[in-house]
């Protein structure tokens, strides 16, 4: 399976998006993979939302698009 590299030692599947779970002084020490491309990690470091639904509500489990009143379920990351 093709991969994308988060850094020298860590990678995620090509069909995913990687994000830093644990960062200290601009260095990432733990990476996570969201199971979809073009996603962004939520503040809880476990869930992701698509770039076109930028308002994530982790408590309710939805992402919202500010331009219209639509929402979708959060995508759970693979850590």
C-alpha atoms as a PDB file:
ATOM      1  CA  UNK A   1       0.000   0.000   0.000  1.00  0.00           C
ATOM      2  CA  UNK A   2       1.449   3.431  -0.930  1.00  0.00           C
ATOM      3  CA  UNK A   3       2.256   5.699   2.011  1.00  0.00           C
ATOM      4  CA  UNK A   4       2.931   9.355   2.781  1.00  0.00           C
ATOM      5  CA  UNK A   5       5.631  10.218   5.280  1.00  0.00           C
ATOM      6  CA  UNK A   6       4.879  12.328   8.350  1.00  0.00           C
ATOM      7  CA  UNK A   7       8.581  12.552   9.161  1.00  0.00           C
ATOM      8  CA  UNK A   8      11.713  10.418   8.737  1.00  0.00           C
ATOM      9  CA  UNK A   9      10.308   7.459  10.655  1.00  0.00           C
ATOM     10  CA  UNK A  10       6.493   7.597  10.537  1.00  0.00           C
ATOM     11  CA  UNK A  11       4.016   7.257   7.704  1.00  0.00           C
ATOM     12  CA  UNK A  12       0.299   6.996   6.951  1.00  0.00           C
ATOM     13  CA  UNK A  13      -1.584   5.360   4.071  1.00  0.00           C
ATOM     14  CA  UNK A  14      -1.625   7.495   0.913  1.00  0.00           C
ATOM     15  CA  UNK A  15      -5.420   7.764   1.161  1.00  0.00           C
ATOM     16  CA  UNK A  16      -5.216   9.504   4.556  1.00  0.00           C
ATOM     17  CA  UNK A  17      -4.123  12.778   6.128  1.00  0.00           C
ATOM     18  CA  UNK A  18      -1.510  12.856   8.883  1.00  0.00           C
ATOM     19  CA  UNK A  19      -1.497  15.199  11.855  1.00  0.00           C
ATOM     20  CA  UNK A  20       0.580  15.759  14.963  1.00  0.00           C
ATOM     21  CA  UNK A  21      -0.913  14.336  18.154  1.00  0.00           C
ATOM     22  CA  UNK A  22       1.848  15.378  20.539  1.00  0.00           C
ATOM     23  CA  UNK A  23       4.027  18.412  19.855  1.00  0.00           C
ATOM     24  CA  UNK A  24       6.560  20.168  22.012  1.00  0.00           C
ATOM     25  CA  UNK A  25       8.698  23.172  21.004  1.00  0.00           C
ATOM     26  CA  UNK A  26       7.819  22.806  17.284  1.00  0.00           C
ATOM     27  CA  UNK A  27       8.767  19.099  17.274  1.00  0.00           C
ATOM     28  CA  UNK A  28       6.169  16.400  16.731  1.00  0.00           C
ATOM     29  CA  UNK A  29       6.683  13.278  18.848  1.00  0.00           C
ATOM     30  CA  UNK A  30       3.522  11.340  17.951  1.00  0.00           C
ATOM     31  CA  UNK A  31       1.562  11.235  14.682  1.00  0.00           C
ATOM     32  CA  UNK A  32      -1.976  10.187  13.837  1.00  0.00           C
ATOM     33  CA  UNK A  33      -3.662   9.338  10.529  1.00  0.00           C
ATOM     34  CA  UNK A  34      -7.166  10.417   9.537  1.00  0.00           C
ATOM     35  CA  UNK A  35      -8.728   7.841   7.232  1.00  0.00           C
ATOM     36  CA  UNK A  36      -9.618  10.423   4.549  1.00  0.00           C
ATOM     37  CA  UNK A  37      -7.652  12.869   2.440  1.00  0.00           C
ATOM     38  CA  UNK A  38      -8.016  16.637   2.911  1.00  0.00           C
ATOM     39  CA  UNK A  39      -9.094  16.444   6.548  1.00  0.00           C
ATOM     40  CA  UNK A  40      -8.073  18.433   9.610  1.00  0.00           C
ATOM     41  CA  UNK A  41      -7.536  17.101  13.105  1.00  0.00           C
ATOM     42  CA  UNK A  42      -9.969  18.176  15.822  1.00  0.00           C
ATOM     43  CA  UNK A  43      -8.793  19.510  19.172  1.00  0.00           C
ATOM     44  CA  UNK A  44      -9.369  16.139  20.859  1.00  0.00           C
ATOM     45  CA  UNK A  45      -6.613  14.531  18.700  1.00  0.00           C
ATOM     46  CA  UNK A  46      -8.919  11.570  17.932  1.00  0.00           C
ATOM     47  CA  UNK A  47     -11.302  12.910  15.309  1.00  0.00           C
ATOM     48  CA  UNK A  48     -11.009  14.744  12.012  1.00  0.00           C
ATOM     49  CA  UNK A  49     -13.228  16.877   9.809  1.00  0.00           C
ATOM     50  CA  UNK A  50     -13.224  17.526   6.056  1.00  0.00           C
ATOM     51  CA  UNK A  51     -11.710  20.827   4.952  1.00  0.00           C
ATOM     52  CA  UNK A  52     -15.046  22.039   3.509  1.00  0.00           C
ATOM     53  CA  UNK A  53     -16.789  21.518   6.894  1.00  0.00           C
ATOM     54  CA  UNK A  54     -14.416  23.566   9.047  1.00  0.00           C
ATOM     55  CA  UNK A  55     -16.548  23.925  12.187  1.00  0.00           C
ATOM     56  CA  UNK A  56     -16.055  20.793  14.283  1.00  0.00           C
ATOM     57  CA  UNK A  57     -18.264  20.113  17.301  1.00  0.00           C
ATOM     58  CA  UNK A  58     -16.583  17.196  19.069  1.00  0.00           C
ATOM     59  CA  UNK A  59     -19.139  17.086  21.905  1.00  0.00           C
ATOM     60  CA  UNK A  60     -22.018  16.462  19.494  1.00  0.00           C
ATOM     61  CA  UNK A  61     -19.948  14.503  16.956  1.00  0.00           C
ATOM     62  CA  UNK A  62     -20.633  16.629  13.883  1.00  0.00           C
ATOM     63  CA  UNK A  63     -18.850  19.031  11.561  1.00  0.00           C
ATOM     64  CA  UNK A  64     -20.669  22.002  10.101  1.00  0.00           C
ATOM     65  CA  UNK A  65     -20.267  24.152   7.049  1.00  0.00           C
ATOM     66  CA  UNK A  66     -20.744  27.815   7.930  1.00  0.00           C
ATOM     67  CA  UNK A  67     -22.205  28.710   4.507  1.00  0.00           C
ATOM     68  CA  UNK A  68     -25.223  26.471   4.875  1.00  0.00           C
ATOM     69  CA  UNK A  69     -26.981  24.586   7.623  1.00  0.00           C
ATOM     70  CA  UNK A  70     -25.645  21.176   6.751  1.00  0.00           C
ATOM     71  CA  UNK A  71     -23.547  18.914   8.900  1.00  0.00           C
ATOM     72  CA  UNK A  72     -21.794  15.560   8.687  1.00  0.00           C
ATOM     73  CA  UNK A  73     -20.487  13.081  11.235  1.00  0.00           C
ATOM     74  CA  UNK A  74     -16.904  13.411  12.407  1.00  0.00           C
ATOM     75  CA  UNK A  75     -14.333  11.066  10.909  1.00  0.00           C
ATOM     76  CA  UNK A  76     -12.502   9.110  13.576  1.00  0.00           C
ATOM     77  CA  UNK A  77      -8.729   9.015  13.183  1.00  0.00           C
ATOM     78  CA  UNK A  78      -6.420   6.059  13.313  1.00  0.00           C
ATOM     79  CA  UNK A  79      -3.804   6.558  15.996  1.00  0.00           C
END
